[in-house]
Amino acid sequence: VQLQASGGGLVQPGGSLRLFCKVSGTFTSINALGWYRQAPGTQRNLVARITSEERITYSDSVKGRFAISRDSAKNTVDLQMNNLRPEDTAVYYCMSDTDQSGIKYLEFGQGTQVTVSS
């Protein structure tokens, strides 16, 4: 599975960004897609996750500001980020949870930098 993320950048506090991720490769099914982030000196944490049944989970820190969506036909997942704060600064990683020949895989893309600063 390959995950290609894009859309990061520099934005002022209160601004918006939209991240995009395309999942490709060989798999039986996609169980869930999502986004994690990792700031310098911290561990990688869940930001948002959406299952194949469209069940969505957000971290408490982004609820009400971020929105995750997916296109099952295109195998893509987006993350709309509004009202960004300096503490949202991190490398954002696209995540896929797939079944491949009966084995479950959790994989991450290469990451895209989001910097929120005035």
C-alpha atoms as a PDB file:
ATOM      1  CA  VAL A   1       0.000   0.000   0.000  1.00  0.00           C
ATOM      2  CA  GLN A   2       1.238   3.485  -0.861  1.00  0.00           C
ATOM      3  CA  LEU A   3      -0.106   6.639   0.734  1.00  0.00           C
ATOM      4  CA  GLN A   4       0.560   9.969  -0.949  1.00  0.00           C
ATOM      5  CA  ALA A   5      -0.264  12.999   1.184  1.00  0.00           C
ATOM      6  CA  SER A   6      -0.242  16.643   0.203  1.00  0.00           C
ATOM      7  CA  GLY A   7      -1.669  19.990   1.192  1.00  0.00           C
ATOM      8  CA  GLY A   8       0.485  21.063   4.099  1.00  0.00           C
ATOM      9  CA  GLY A   9       2.069  24.468   4.419  1.00  0.00           C
ATOM     10  CA  LEU A  10       2.407  27.633   6.440  1.00  0.00           C
ATOM     11  CA  VAL A  11      -0.716  29.399   7.686  1.00  0.00           C
ATOM     12  CA  GLN A  12      -1.472  32.117  10.199  1.00  0.00           C
ATOM     13  CA  PRO A  13      -3.414  31.370  13.380  1.00  0.00           C
ATOM     14  CA  GLY A  14      -7.106  31.224  12.617  1.00  0.00           C
ATOM     15  CA  GLY A  15      -6.462  30.168   9.055  1.00  0.00           C
ATOM     16  CA  SER A  16      -7.405  26.989   7.191  1.00  0.00           C
ATOM     17  CA  LEU A  17      -5.681  24.208   5.316  1.00  0.00           C
ATOM     18  CA  ARG A  18      -6.905  21.068   3.598  1.00  0.00           C
ATOM     19  CA  LEU A  19      -4.848  17.901   3.514  1.00  0.00           C
ATOM     20  CA  PHE A  20      -5.282  15.234   0.863  1.00  0.00           C
ATOM     21  CA  CYS A  21      -4.227  11.600   0.771  1.00  0.00           C
ATOM     22  CA  LYS A  22      -4.463   9.014  -1.990  1.00  0.00           C
ATOM     23  CA  VAL A  23      -4.204   5.305  -1.132  1.00  0.00           C
ATOM     24  CA  SER A  24      -3.001   2.940  -3.825  1.00  0.00           C
ATOM     25  CA  GLY A  25      -1.615  -0.552  -4.130  1.00  0.00           C
ATOM     26  CA  THR A  26      -2.925  -4.044  -3.563  1.00  0.00           C
ATOM     27  CA  PHE A  27      -5.376  -4.740  -0.746  1.00  0.00           C
ATOM     28  CA  THR A  28      -8.583  -6.648  -0.159  1.00  0.00           C
ATOM     29  CA  SER A  29     -10.403  -3.852   1.617  1.00  0.00           C
ATOM     30  CA  ILE A  30      -9.881  -0.617   3.499  1.00  0.00           C
ATOM     31  CA  ASN A  31     -11.122  -0.791   7.073  1.00  0.00           C
ATOM     32  CA  ALA A  32     -10.326   2.813   7.947  1.00  0.00           C
ATOM     33  CA  LEU A  33      -8.383   5.863   6.843  1.00  0.00           C
ATOM     34  CA  GLY A  34      -7.168   8.689   8.956  1.00  0.00           C
ATOM     35  CA  TRP A  35      -4.633  11.278   9.962  1.00  0.00           C
ATOM     36  CA  TYR A  36      -2.042  11.309  12.717  1.00  0.00           C
ATOM     37  CA  ARG A  37       0.359  14.077  13.650  1.00  0.00           C
ATOM     38  CA  GLN A  38       3.686  14.354  15.365  1.00  0.00           C
ATOM     39  CA  ALA A  39       5.261  17.510  16.742  1.00  0.00           C
ATOM     40  CA  PRO A  40       9.009  17.642  17.519  1.00  0.00           C
ATOM     41  CA  GLY A  41       9.850  15.726  20.683  1.00  0.00           C
ATOM     42  CA  THR A  42       6.421  14.118  20.961  1.00  0.00           C
ATOM     43  CA  GLN A  43       4.842  10.840  19.935  1.00  0.00           C
ATOM     44  CA  ARG A  44       2.604  10.389  16.924  1.00  0.00           C
ATOM     45  CA  ASN A  45      -1.048  10.835  17.894  1.00  0.00           C
ATOM     46  CA  LEU A  46      -4.392  10.318  16.230  1.00  0.00           C
ATOM     47  CA  VAL A  47      -6.041  13.420  14.782  1.00  0.00           C
ATOM     48  CA  ALA A  48      -9.039  11.911  12.995  1.00  0.00           C
ATOM     49  CA  ARG A  49     -10.137   8.550  11.687  1.00  0.00           C
ATOM     50  CA  ILE A  50     -13.007   7.402   9.455  1.00  0.00           C
ATOM     51  CA  THR A  51     -14.060   3.785   8.982  1.00  0.00           C
ATOM     52  CA  SER A  52     -15.541   2.087   5.957  1.00  0.00           C
ATOM     53  CA  GLU A  53     -18.934   2.497   7.688  1.00  0.00           C
ATOM     54  CA  GLU A  54     -18.272   6.250   7.962  1.00  0.00           C
ATOM     55  CA  ARG A  55     -17.789   6.145  11.725  1.00  0.00           C
ATOM     56  CA  ILE A  56     -15.611   9.111  12.657  1.00  0.00           C
ATOM     57  CA  THR A  57     -13.317   9.692  15.607  1.00  0.00           C
ATOM     58  CA  TYR A  58     -11.586  12.980  16.414  1.00  0.00           C
ATOM     59  CA  SER A  59      -9.043  13.817  19.041  1.00  0.00           C
ATOM     60  CA  ASP A  60     -10.482  16.192  21.625  1.00  0.00           C
ATOM     61  CA  SER A  61      -8.055  18.925  20.603  1.00  0.00           C
ATOM     62  CA  VAL A  62      -9.459  19.210  17.069  1.00  0.00           C
ATOM     63  CA  LYS A  63     -13.175  18.562  17.596  1.00  0.00           C
ATOM     64  CA  GLY A  64     -15.270  21.307  16.070  1.00  0.00           C
ATOM     65  CA  ARG A  65     -12.355  22.648  14.007  1.00  0.00           C
ATOM     66  CA  PHE A  66     -11.290  19.746  11.782  1.00  0.00           C
ATOM     67  CA  ALA A  67     -13.412  17.595   9.476  1.00  0.00           C
ATOM     68  CA  ILE A  68     -12.384  14.303   7.895  1.00  0.00           C
ATOM     69  CA  SER A  69     -13.990  12.871   4.774  1.00  0.00           C
ATOM     70  CA  ARG A  70     -13.312  10.038   2.375  1.00  0.00           C
ATOM     71  CA  ASP A  71     -14.140   9.032  -1.163  1.00  0.00           C
ATOM     72  CA  SER A  72     -14.403   5.249  -1.204  1.00  0.00           C
ATOM     73  CA  ALA A  73     -14.508   5.074  -4.985  1.00  0.00           C
ATOM     74  CA  LYS A  74     -11.236   6.982  -5.315  1.00  0.00           C
ATOM     75  CA  ASN A  75      -9.574   5.655  -2.119  1.00  0.00           C
ATOM     76  CA  THR A  76      -8.862   9.141  -0.868  1.00  0.00           C
ATOM     77  CA  VAL A  77      -9.180  10.823   2.493  1.00  0.00           C
ATOM     78  CA  ASP A  78      -9.199  14.562   3.188  1.00  0.00           C
ATOM     79  CA  LEU A  79      -8.765  16.597   6.330  1.00  0.00           C
ATOM     80  CA  GLN A  80     -10.241  20.100   6.395  1.00  0.00           C
ATOM     81  CA  MET A  81      -8.546  22.087   9.149  1.00  0.00           C
ATOM     82  CA  ASN A  82     -10.144  25.355  10.254  1.00  0.00           C
ATOM     83  CA  ASN A  83      -9.320  27.857  12.962  1.00  0.00           C
ATOM     84  CA  LEU A  84      -5.782  26.552  13.128  1.00  0.00           C
ATOM     85  CA  ARG A  85      -3.718  27.194  16.226  1.00  0.00           C
ATOM     86  CA  PRO A  86       0.052  27.250  16.779  1.00  0.00           C
ATOM     87  CA  GLU A  87      -0.260  24.001  18.731  1.00  0.00           C
ATOM     88  CA  ASP A  88      -1.538  22.311  15.558  1.00  0.00           C
ATOM     89  CA  THR A  89       1.960  22.662  14.113  1.00  0.00           C
ATOM     90  CA  ALA A  90       3.253  19.179  13.331  1.00  0.00           C
ATOM     91  CA  VAL A  91       4.005  16.704  10.600  1.00  0.00           C
ATOM     92  CA  TYR A  92       0.715  15.144   9.552  1.00  0.00           C
ATOM     93  CA  TYR A  93       0.665  11.521   8.436  1.00  0.00           C
ATOM     94  CA  CYS A  94      -2.004   9.809   6.400  1.00  0.00           C
ATOM     95  CA  MET A  95      -2.916   6.375   7.778  1.00  0.00           C
ATOM     96  CA  SER A  96      -4.538   3.327   6.241  1.00  0.00           C
ATOM     97  CA  ASP A  97      -5.939   0.257   7.963  1.00  0.00           C
ATOM     98  CA  THR A  98      -6.310  -2.404   5.289  1.00  0.00           C
ATOM     99  CA  ASP A  99      -6.891  -6.111   4.891  1.00  0.00           C
ATOM    100  CA  GLN A 100      -4.384  -7.800   2.592  1.00  0.00           C
ATOM    101  CA  SER A 101      -4.999 -11.520   2.013  1.00  0.00           C
ATOM    102  CA  GLY A 102      -6.527 -11.921   5.457  1.00  0.00           C
ATOM    103  CA  ILE A 103      -3.883  -9.926   7.303  1.00  0.00           C
ATOM    104  CA  LYS A 104      -4.558  -6.517   8.765  1.00  0.00           C
ATOM    105  CA  TYR A 105      -2.019  -3.770   8.082  1.00  0.00           C
ATOM    106  CA  LEU A 106      -1.697  -0.316   9.638  1.00  0.00           C
ATOM    107  CA  GLU A 107       0.493   1.916   7.479  1.00  0.00           C
ATOM    108  CA  PHE A 108       1.524   5.551   7.267  1.00  0.00           C
ATOM    109  CA  GLY A 109       2.489   7.870   4.439  1.00  0.00           C
ATOM    110  CA  GLN A 110       5.552  10.083   4.291  1.00  0.00           C
ATOM    111  CA  GLY A 111       4.035  13.020   6.157  1.00  0.00           C
ATOM    112  CA  THR A 112       3.302  16.613   5.263  1.00  0.00           C
ATOM    113  CA  GLN A 113       4.363  19.603   7.355  1.00  0.00           C
ATOM    114  CA  VAL A 114       1.753  21.967   8.768  1.00  0.00           C
ATOM    115  CA  THR A 115       3.064  25.126  10.407  1.00  0.00           C
ATOM    116  CA  VAL A 116       0.754  27.595  12.130  1.00  0.00           C
ATOM    117  CA  SER A 117       2.553  30.816  12.873  1.00  0.00           C
ATOM    118  CA  SER A 118       2.168  34.561  12.546  1.00  0.00           C
END
